[in-house]
Amino acid sequence: MNIYVGNLSYRMNDKELEEVFSKFGAVKSAKVIMDRETGKSKGFGFIEMVNDGDGQKAIDALNGAEFEKKVISVSVA
């Protein structure tokens, strides 16, 4: 299952994003999208979960959660 994560802290990296989602199941990939010119985070990313059920659990638990003083949005990509 591919998952979109929006409103991320600009300091969050791929590894930290993976750690958050790995609590719900196996993560196939985690990617924070970076600006090509500046190399800085664009504030959103994508997670690919191995199991769809685990992905849905993560969406249900994390949508609207607060990380680094920002409320993130989590949905199916």
Protein backbone atom coordinates (compact mmCIF):
# COMPACT_ATOMS: atom_id res chain seq x y z
CA MET A 1 0.00 0.00 0.00
CA ASN A 2 1.31 3.46 -0.94
CA ILE A 3 0.66 6.18 1.62
CA TYR A 4 0.94 9.96 1.30
CA VAL A 5 2.15 11.91 4.34
CA GLY A 6 1.70 15.67 4.28
CA ASN A 7 2.66 18.63 6.49
CA LEU A 8 5.90 17.02 7.67
CA SER A 9 8.51 18.95 9.60
CA TYR A 10 11.18 20.21 7.22
CA ARG A 11 13.78 18.52 9.46
CA MET A 12 12.32 15.00 9.08
CA ASN A 13 14.36 12.59 6.95
CA ASP A 14 13.64 9.23 5.29
CA LYS A 15 14.90 7.19 8.25
CA GLU A 16 12.80 9.07 10.81
CA LEU A 17 9.70 8.72 8.62
CA GLU A 18 10.30 4.98 8.30
CA GLU A 19 10.70 4.65 12.08
CA VAL A 20 7.29 6.26 12.67
CA PHE A 21 5.51 3.88 10.29
CA SER A 22 7.46 0.74 11.18
CA LYS A 23 5.54 0.63 14.49
CA PHE A 24 2.53 -0.53 12.45
CA GLY A 25 4.22 -3.15 10.25
CA ALA A 26 6.90 -3.78 7.64
CA VAL A 27 7.88 -0.72 5.61
CA LYS A 28 9.03 -1.38 2.04
CA SER A 29 10.19 2.20 1.43
CA ALA A 30 10.04 5.66 2.98
CA LYS A 31 10.84 8.83 1.06
CA VAL A 32 10.68 12.48 2.08
CA ILE A 33 10.43 14.55 -1.11
CA MET A 34 13.24 17.06 -1.49
CA ASP A 35 13.52 20.20 -3.62
CA ARG A 36 16.05 19.55 -6.39
CA GLU A 37 17.47 23.05 -6.36
CA THR A 38 17.75 23.71 -2.62
CA GLY A 39 18.08 20.15 -1.32
CA LYS A 40 15.54 20.96 1.41
CA SER A 41 12.42 18.98 2.28
CA LYS A 42 9.18 19.97 0.56
CA GLY A 43 7.25 18.93 3.68
CA PHE A 44 5.67 15.75 2.36
CA GLY A 45 6.61 12.19 1.58
CA PHE A 46 5.49 8.70 0.69
CA ILE A 47 5.54 5.40 2.52
CA GLU A 48 5.11 1.98 0.96
CA MET A 49 3.87 -0.63 3.42
CA VAL A 50 4.29 -4.35 2.67
CA ASN A 51 0.85 -5.26 4.06
CA ASP A 52 -2.31 -3.28 3.18
CA GLY A 53 -3.86 -3.99 6.60
CA ASP A 54 -0.83 -2.55 8.38
CA GLY A 55 -0.95 0.46 6.06
CA GLN A 56 -4.58 1.12 6.97
CA LYS A 57 -3.76 0.85 10.68
CA ALA A 58 -0.99 3.42 10.22
CA ILE A 59 -3.32 5.78 8.33
CA ASP A 60 -6.03 5.47 11.00
CA ALA A 61 -3.56 6.04 13.85
CA LEU A 62 -1.37 8.77 12.34
CA ASN A 63 -3.76 10.98 10.33
CA GLY A 64 -4.09 14.15 12.42
CA ALA A 65 -1.24 13.18 14.76
CA GLU A 66 1.31 15.80 15.82
CA PHE A 67 5.03 15.46 15.05
CA GLU A 68 7.50 18.24 15.84
CA LYS A 69 4.62 20.67 16.48
CA LYS A 70 2.98 20.00 13.08
CA VAL A 71 -0.24 18.07 12.52
CA ILE A 72 0.39 15.60 9.71
CA SER A 73 -2.11 14.35 7.15
CA VAL A 74 -1.90 10.69 6.18
CA SER A 75 -3.92 9.06 3.39
CA VAL A 76 -3.77 6.47 0.64
CA ALA A 77 -1.54 7.81 -2.15
